[in-house]
């Protein structure tokens, strides 16, 4: 299950999978990464990934025209997205 628990001060600790890369807390990057992840990996309306859309909407986040793609994410957003994918695969 994917959580959208946002909090201040988040910094990922380097692991072999993300050696030399560090995510930092930026609400916009987090929202965009979660939106792109949910778009790419949801399996229908009743999946935990699809529920991310509702949580983002309640937070007031709206994706721009055309949505959000992996290619449009910042470096930090890509690190967050990649981390979500790694968590999903575990």
N, C-alpha and C. Protein backbone atom coordinates (compact mmCIF):
# COMPACT_ATOMS: atom_id res chain seq x y z
N UNK A 1 0.85 -1.18 0.00
CA UNK A 1 0.00 0.00 0.00
C UNK A 1 0.89 1.24 0.00
N UNK A 2 0.50 2.23 -0.74
CA UNK A 2 1.28 3.44 -0.86
C UNK A 2 0.66 4.51 0.02
N UNK A 3 1.47 5.16 0.83
CA UNK A 3 0.98 6.20 1.72
C UNK A 3 1.37 7.56 1.18
N UNK A 4 0.50 8.52 1.38
CA UNK A 4 0.81 9.89 0.98
C UNK A 4 0.99 10.71 2.24
N UNK A 5 1.73 10.17 3.20
CA UNK A 5 1.98 10.87 4.45
C UNK A 5 3.05 11.92 4.27
N UNK A 6 2.64 13.14 4.07
CA UNK A 6 3.59 14.22 3.84
C UNK A 6 3.95 14.87 5.17
N UNK A 7 5.21 15.12 5.37
CA UNK A 7 5.67 15.80 6.57
C UNK A 7 6.90 16.61 6.23
N UNK A 8 7.21 17.55 7.07
CA UNK A 8 8.36 18.40 6.78
C UNK A 8 9.64 17.72 7.24
N UNK A 9 10.73 18.10 6.61
CA UNK A 9 12.03 17.61 7.03
C UNK A 9 12.42 16.27 6.47
N UNK A 10 11.68 15.72 5.51
CA UNK A 10 11.97 14.41 4.96
C UNK A 10 13.23 14.45 4.11
N UNK A 11 14.14 13.55 4.40
CA UNK A 11 15.32 13.35 3.57
C UNK A 11 15.58 11.85 3.54
N UNK A 12 15.66 11.29 2.36
CA UNK A 12 15.92 9.86 2.23
C UNK A 12 17.38 9.57 2.53
N UNK A 13 17.62 8.47 3.19
CA UNK A 13 18.98 8.05 3.45
C UNK A 13 19.49 7.30 2.22
N UNK A 14 20.71 7.57 1.78
CA UNK A 14 21.24 6.86 0.62
C UNK A 14 21.28 5.35 0.86
N UNK A 15 20.85 4.59 -0.11
CA UNK A 15 20.91 3.13 -0.08
C UNK A 15 21.62 2.71 -1.35
N UNK A 16 21.97 1.44 -1.48
CA UNK A 16 22.62 1.02 -2.73
C UNK A 16 21.79 1.38 -3.97
N UNK A 17 20.47 1.38 -3.84
CA UNK A 17 19.60 1.68 -4.99
C UNK A 17 19.63 3.15 -5.38
N UNK A 18 19.88 4.03 -4.41
CA UNK A 18 19.87 5.46 -4.73
C UNK A 18 21.17 6.13 -4.27
N UNK A 19 22.26 5.39 -4.33
CA UNK A 19 23.56 5.89 -3.87
C UNK A 19 23.90 7.22 -4.53
N UNK A 20 24.25 8.18 -3.71
CA UNK A 20 24.65 9.48 -4.22
C UNK A 20 23.49 10.41 -4.52
N UNK A 21 22.26 9.93 -4.37
CA UNK A 21 21.08 10.74 -4.65
C UNK A 21 20.31 10.91 -3.35
N UNK A 22 19.83 12.09 -3.09
CA UNK A 22 19.06 12.34 -1.89
C UNK A 22 17.80 13.10 -2.25
N UNK A 23 16.67 12.55 -1.82
CA UNK A 23 15.41 13.26 -2.00
C UNK A 23 15.31 14.32 -0.92
N UNK A 24 14.64 15.41 -1.22
CA UNK A 24 14.38 16.41 -0.21
C UNK A 24 12.90 16.75 -0.23
N UNK A 25 12.42 17.31 0.87
CA UNK A 25 11.00 17.57 1.02
C UNK A 25 10.61 18.81 0.25
N UNK A 26 9.76 18.61 -0.76
CA UNK A 26 9.21 19.70 -1.54
C UNK A 26 7.79 19.26 -1.91
N UNK A 27 6.79 19.93 -1.37
CA UNK A 27 5.39 19.51 -1.53
C UNK A 27 5.01 19.35 -3.00
N UNK A 28 5.42 20.29 -3.84
CA UNK A 28 5.05 20.21 -5.26
C UNK A 28 5.68 18.98 -5.92
N UNK A 29 6.96 18.73 -5.66
CA UNK A 29 7.62 17.55 -6.22
C UNK A 29 6.95 16.27 -5.74
N UNK A 30 6.59 16.23 -4.47
CA UNK A 30 5.95 15.04 -3.91
C UNK A 30 4.61 14.80 -4.58
N UNK A 31 3.79 15.85 -4.68
CA UNK A 31 2.48 15.71 -5.30
C UNK A 31 2.60 15.28 -6.76
N UNK A 32 3.49 15.91 -7.50
CA UNK A 32 3.66 15.54 -8.91
C UNK A 32 4.16 14.10 -9.05
N UNK A 33 5.10 13.69 -8.21
CA UNK A 33 5.62 12.32 -8.29
C UNK A 33 4.53 11.31 -7.96
N UNK A 34 3.74 11.58 -6.92
CA UNK A 34 2.65 10.67 -6.56
C UNK A 34 1.61 10.62 -7.67
N UNK A 35 1.32 11.75 -8.29
CA UNK A 35 0.33 11.78 -9.37
C UNK A 35 0.83 10.96 -10.57
N UNK A 36 2.09 11.15 -10.95
CA UNK A 36 2.65 10.39 -12.06
C UNK A 36 2.68 8.89 -11.74
N UNK A 37 3.05 8.55 -10.51
CA UNK A 37 3.08 7.16 -10.08
C UNK A 37 1.69 6.54 -10.15
N UNK A 38 0.70 7.24 -9.62
CA UNK A 38 -0.67 6.71 -9.63
C UNK A 38 -1.18 6.55 -11.05
N UNK A 39 -0.85 7.49 -11.92
CA UNK A 39 -1.26 7.39 -13.32
C UNK A 39 -0.66 6.16 -13.98
N UNK A 40 0.61 5.90 -13.71
CA UNK A 40 1.31 4.79 -14.36
C UNK A 40 0.98 3.43 -13.77
N UNK A 41 0.63 3.35 -12.48
CA UNK A 41 0.54 2.06 -11.81
C UNK A 41 -0.83 1.69 -11.25
N UNK A 42 -1.83 2.54 -11.34
CA UNK A 42 -3.11 2.13 -10.76
C UNK A 42 -3.73 1.03 -11.61
N UNK A 43 -4.45 0.15 -10.92
CA UNK A 43 -5.08 -0.98 -11.59
C UNK A 43 -6.58 -0.85 -11.63
N UNK A 44 -7.09 0.34 -11.49
CA UNK A 44 -8.54 0.54 -11.50
C UNK A 44 -8.98 1.34 -10.29
N UNK A 45 -10.26 1.67 -10.29
CA UNK A 45 -10.80 2.57 -9.26
C UNK A 45 -10.63 2.08 -7.83
N UNK A 46 -10.56 0.83 -7.59
CA UNK A 46 -10.57 0.34 -6.21
C UNK A 46 -9.18 -0.04 -5.71
N UNK A 47 -8.15 0.42 -6.37
CA UNK A 47 -6.78 0.10 -5.94
C UNK A 47 -6.21 1.22 -5.07
N UNK A 48 -5.26 0.88 -4.21
CA UNK A 48 -4.64 1.91 -3.36
C UNK A 48 -3.97 3.01 -4.19
N UNK A 49 -3.40 2.65 -5.34
CA UNK A 49 -2.76 3.65 -6.18
C UNK A 49 -3.78 4.65 -6.72
N UNK A 50 -4.97 4.17 -7.05
CA UNK A 50 -6.00 5.07 -7.56
C UNK A 50 -6.47 6.03 -6.47
N UNK A 51 -6.47 5.57 -5.22
CA UNK A 51 -6.90 6.42 -4.10
C UNK A 51 -5.99 7.64 -3.93
N UNK A 52 -4.79 7.57 -4.46
CA UNK A 52 -3.87 8.71 -4.39
C UNK A 52 -4.49 9.93 -5.05
N UNK A 53 -5.21 9.74 -6.15
CA UNK A 53 -5.85 10.86 -6.84
C UNK A 53 -6.79 11.63 -5.91
N UNK A 54 -7.59 10.90 -5.13
CA UNK A 54 -8.51 11.54 -4.19
C UNK A 54 -7.79 12.30 -3.11
N UNK A 55 -6.71 11.71 -2.58
CA UNK A 55 -5.95 12.40 -1.53
C UNK A 55 -5.31 13.67 -2.08
N UNK A 56 -4.78 13.60 -3.30
CA UNK A 56 -4.18 14.79 -3.90
C UNK A 56 -5.23 15.87 -4.13
N UNK A 57 -6.41 15.48 -4.57
CA UNK A 57 -7.49 16.45 -4.79
C UNK A 57 -7.90 17.12 -3.49
N UNK A 58 -8.02 16.35 -2.41
CA UNK A 58 -8.39 16.93 -1.10
C UNK A 58 -7.33 17.90 -0.61
N UNK A 59 -6.08 17.69 -1.01
CA UNK A 59 -5.00 18.61 -0.62
C UNK A 59 -5.01 19.87 -1.46
N UNK A 60 -5.81 19.88 -2.52
CA UNK A 60 -5.87 21.04 -3.39
C UNK A 60 -4.94 20.95 -4.59
N UNK A 61 -4.30 19.81 -4.77
CA UNK A 61 -3.39 19.64 -5.91
C UNK A 61 -4.20 19.33 -7.17
N UNK A 62 -3.85 20.00 -8.25
CA UNK A 62 -4.43 19.72 -9.56
C UNK A 62 -3.30 19.66 -10.57
N UNK A 63 -3.25 18.55 -11.28
CA UNK A 63 -2.22 18.41 -12.32
C UNK A 63 -2.52 19.40 -13.44
N UNK A 64 -1.49 19.88 -14.07
CA UNK A 64 -1.67 20.81 -15.18
C UNK A 64 -2.31 20.14 -16.38
N UNK A 65 -2.62 20.92 -17.37
CA UNK A 65 -3.23 20.41 -18.59
C UNK A 65 -2.32 19.35 -19.20
N UNK A 66 -2.87 18.21 -19.49
CA UNK A 66 -2.08 17.14 -20.07
C UNK A 66 -1.51 16.18 -19.03
N UNK A 67 -1.71 16.46 -17.75
CA UNK A 67 -1.24 15.57 -16.70
C UNK A 67 0.23 15.73 -16.39
N UNK A 68 0.75 14.75 -15.69
CA UNK A 68 2.15 14.75 -15.26
C UNK A 68 2.79 13.47 -15.77
N UNK A 69 3.93 13.58 -16.38
CA UNK A 69 4.67 12.40 -16.84
C UNK A 69 6.00 12.33 -16.11
N UNK A 70 6.61 11.16 -16.16
CA UNK A 70 7.91 10.98 -15.53
C UNK A 70 8.92 11.97 -16.10
N UNK A 71 8.85 12.17 -17.40
CA UNK A 71 9.80 13.06 -18.07
C UNK A 71 9.66 14.51 -17.62
N UNK A 72 8.47 14.90 -17.17
CA UNK A 72 8.26 16.29 -16.75
C UNK A 72 8.63 16.55 -15.29
N UNK A 73 8.96 15.49 -14.55
CA UNK A 73 9.31 15.65 -13.13
C UNK A 73 10.70 16.28 -12.98
N UNK A 74 10.88 16.98 -11.88
CA UNK A 74 12.22 17.49 -11.53
C UNK A 74 13.09 16.31 -11.12
N UNK A 75 14.39 16.52 -10.94
CA UNK A 75 15.26 15.44 -10.48
C UNK A 75 14.77 14.89 -9.14
N UNK A 76 14.37 15.77 -8.25
CA UNK A 76 13.85 15.35 -6.96
C UNK A 76 12.55 14.55 -7.14
N UNK A 77 11.67 15.02 -8.01
CA UNK A 77 10.43 14.32 -8.28
C UNK A 77 10.68 12.93 -8.84
N UNK A 78 11.70 12.79 -9.68
CA UNK A 78 12.04 11.48 -10.23
C UNK A 78 12.57 10.55 -9.15
N UNK A 79 13.34 11.08 -8.23
CA UNK A 79 13.82 10.25 -7.11
C UNK A 79 12.65 9.76 -6.27
N UNK A 80 11.68 10.63 -6.01
CA UNK A 80 10.50 10.26 -5.23
C UNK A 80 9.72 9.18 -5.99
N UNK A 81 9.49 9.40 -7.28
CA UNK A 81 8.78 8.44 -8.12
C UNK A 81 9.50 7.09 -8.11
N UNK A 82 10.81 7.11 -8.34
CA UNK A 82 11.59 5.87 -8.37
C UNK A 82 11.50 5.14 -7.03
N UNK A 83 11.49 5.87 -5.95
CA UNK A 83 11.35 5.27 -4.62
C UNK A 83 9.98 4.61 -4.48
N UNK A 84 8.93 5.25 -4.98
CA UNK A 84 7.59 4.67 -4.93
C UNK A 84 7.54 3.36 -5.73
N UNK A 85 8.18 3.36 -6.88
CA UNK A 85 8.21 2.15 -7.70
C UNK A 85 8.95 1.03 -6.97
N UNK A 86 10.09 1.35 -6.34
CA UNK A 86 10.84 0.34 -5.58
C UNK A 86 10.00 -0.21 -4.43
N UNK A 87 9.27 0.65 -3.73
CA UNK A 87 8.41 0.21 -2.64
C UNK A 87 7.30 -0.71 -3.14
N UNK A 88 6.77 -0.40 -4.29
CA UNK A 88 5.68 -1.22 -4.86
C UNK A 88 6.18 -2.59 -5.23
N UNK A 89 7.41 -2.69 -5.68
CA UNK A 89 7.96 -3.96 -6.14
C UNK A 89 8.41 -4.88 -5.01
N UNK A 90 8.43 -4.38 -3.80
CA UNK A 90 8.89 -5.19 -2.65
C UNK A 90 7.80 -6.13 -2.22
